[in-house]
Amino acid sequence: MPLTLALSPREEQQEFISTSPEETCHLAAQLAAALQPGDCLLLIGELGVGKTTFVQGLAQGLGVTERVRSPTFVLMHEYHGRVPLYHFDAYRIHKVDELREIGFEDIVRSQGITVIEWGEKTEELLPQGCWRIYIELLPEQRRRIRIERPQAPRT
């Protein structure tokens, strides 16, 4: 049975158990429908847990037709759907100045959707009001996915 995202305006978070990459993509595509231009999402989880798979689902939900790849070695990929999707990977970042040099702060405050893998490494550069997506590997190749809506309005 597919996972169903049903965040009410009062619900601060929702948790899911995904049993496959397809379920993870389906959940992320549902979240994409709830996002607004300017939203920022931090993806937090260990190496290989499925962060890029989640972004692939978001991209699908935003109408992106290009193949979504991890930007680990280039820092960012930009995709075009109903709104621009900026996909960052901060795994290899040692200092936040590396992100400043490529205009990270302007991109995050733009009218696109910004998704940051290893987002916890970028928090000092982020505006208030970012979504947080925690992905945890469970036994039998399942994933626990916790989606937390922003606690404060975007700034």
Foldseek 3Di string as FASTA:
>chain_A
DADDDDDDPPRFKDKDKAQDLVSLLCHLLNVLVVDFFLAEEEEDEDPPLQLQSSVQSSCVSQAFPDDGDACVPPQWDWTDGVFIEIEGECPPPPDCVVVVVVVNLVVSRGRHYYYYYVCVRNVVSAWAFHKYWYWYADPNRMIMIMIGGGPDDGD
